[in-house]
Protein backbone atom coordinates (compact mmCIF):
# COMPACT_ATOMS: atom_id res chain seq x y z
CA MET A 1 13.57 -10.24 31.22
CA LYS A 2 14.55 -10.58 27.58
CA LYS A 3 15.68 -7.69 25.39
CA ILE A 4 14.56 -7.69 21.75
CA ASP A 5 15.99 -5.25 19.21
CA VAL A 6 13.80 -4.28 16.27
CA SER A 7 15.07 -2.26 13.34
CA SER A 8 14.00 -1.28 9.86
CA SER A 9 15.39 0.60 6.91
CA ALA A 10 14.06 2.42 3.89
CA THR A 11 15.55 3.54 0.60
CA VAL A 12 14.35 6.88 -0.76
CA PHE A 13 14.54 7.40 -4.52
CA ASN A 14 14.52 10.77 -6.26
CA SER A 15 12.42 9.48 -9.15
CA VAL A 16 10.35 6.44 -10.13
CA SER A 17 12.75 6.02 -13.06
CA GLU A 18 15.42 4.83 -10.57
CA LEU A 19 13.32 1.82 -9.58
CA SER A 20 13.67 -1.71 -10.93
CA ASP A 21 11.11 -2.79 -13.52
CA VAL A 22 9.27 -4.87 -10.88
CA ASP A 23 9.09 -1.89 -8.52
CA LYS A 24 8.03 0.50 -11.30
CA ASN A 25 5.17 -1.87 -12.12
CA LEU A 26 4.16 -2.08 -8.46
CA MET A 27 4.22 1.72 -8.16
CA GLN A 28 2.10 2.09 -11.30
CA HIS A 29 -0.49 -0.22 -9.73
CA ALA A 30 -0.43 1.93 -6.57
CA VAL A 31 -1.05 5.04 -8.68
CA GLU A 32 -4.03 3.33 -10.36
CA ALA A 33 -5.41 2.39 -6.92
CA ARG A 34 -4.92 5.98 -5.70
CA GLU A 35 -7.05 7.32 -8.55
CA LYS A 36 -9.99 5.25 -7.22
CA ALA A 37 -9.63 6.41 -3.59
CA TYR A 38 -12.67 7.82 -1.81
CA ALA A 39 -11.50 11.03 -0.15
CA PRO A 40 -14.28 13.63 -0.52
CA TYR A 41 -13.41 15.40 2.74
CA SER A 42 -9.62 15.71 2.81
CA LYS A 43 -9.08 15.40 -0.95
CA PHE A 44 -5.92 13.47 0.05
CA LYS A 45 -5.91 10.30 -2.04
CA VAL A 46 -3.65 7.36 -1.23
CA GLY A 47 -3.06 4.14 -3.14
CA ALA A 48 -1.20 0.99 -2.11
CA ALA A 49 -0.08 -2.07 -4.05
CA LEU A 50 1.19 -5.25 -2.38
CA LEU A 51 3.34 -7.85 -4.10
CA LEU A 52 2.65 -11.24 -2.53
CA ASP A 53 4.75 -14.43 -2.36
CA ASN A 54 2.67 -15.90 -5.19
CA ASN A 55 3.55 -12.81 -7.34
CA LYS A 56 -0.04 -11.55 -7.26
CA ILE A 57 -0.53 -7.80 -6.85
CA VAL A 58 -3.27 -6.66 -4.47
CA LEU A 59 -4.49 -3.05 -4.41
CA GLY A 60 -5.99 -0.83 -1.75
CA ASN A 61 -6.89 2.83 -1.42
CA ASN A 62 -8.03 5.11 1.37
CA GLN A 63 -11.73 5.22 2.17
CA GLU A 64 -12.90 8.25 4.14
CA ASN A 65 -15.99 8.49 6.29
CA ALA A 66 -17.83 11.58 7.49
CA ALA A 67 -17.53 10.16 11.01
CA TYR A 68 -13.79 10.82 11.22
CA PRO A 69 -11.59 8.86 12.07
CA SER A 70 -13.52 5.76 11.06
CA GLY A 71 -12.10 5.71 7.53
CA MET A 72 -9.54 3.19 6.32
CA CYS A 73 -6.01 3.83 5.12
CA ALA A 74 -4.87 2.40 1.78
CA GLU A 75 -2.33 0.06 3.34
CA ARG A 76 -4.90 -1.48 5.67
CA VAL A 77 -7.39 -1.95 2.84
CA ALA A 78 -4.73 -3.72 0.74
CA VAL A 79 -3.57 -5.96 3.60
CA TRP A 80 -7.14 -6.94 4.54
CA ARG A 81 -7.97 -7.66 0.90
CA ALA A 82 -4.83 -9.79 0.54
CA GLY A 83 -5.74 -11.72 3.68
CA SER A 84 -9.24 -12.32 2.34
CA GLU A 85 -8.29 -13.32 -1.20
CA PHE A 86 -4.93 -14.98 -0.56
CA PRO A 87 -4.83 -16.30 3.01
CA ASN A 88 -1.39 -17.31 4.31
CA MET A 89 0.49 -15.46 1.55
CA LYS A 90 3.29 -13.21 2.74
CA VAL A 91 3.76 -9.65 1.52
CA LYS A 92 7.07 -9.29 -0.32
CA LYS A 93 6.85 -5.60 -1.18
CA ILE A 94 4.52 -2.64 -0.82
CA ALA A 95 4.31 0.54 -2.88
CA ILE A 96 2.42 3.56 -1.54
CA THR A 97 1.60 6.80 -3.31
CA ALA A 98 -0.31 9.89 -2.20
CA ALA A 99 -1.58 13.03 -3.89
């Protein structure tokens, strides 16, 4: 048997103004993606923006379906789009916003 430890961390900011210029830009793209979300049932819109290794930004937003839970979350949409448009590129950062 082999033991593997997995950990993660997150930094929580009080305001977008505390972010670096790169992160502010990424968050603004996530907000733009959120505004295009399709959430007629829950009214809970989510946007995601991925920054890839090639410095391209890929957007995604949640897509609801009347046959719950077969909708798609914003993060999944963005990751699938990145994989389709930019295969083999790694995700450097992700910004997510909800309203």
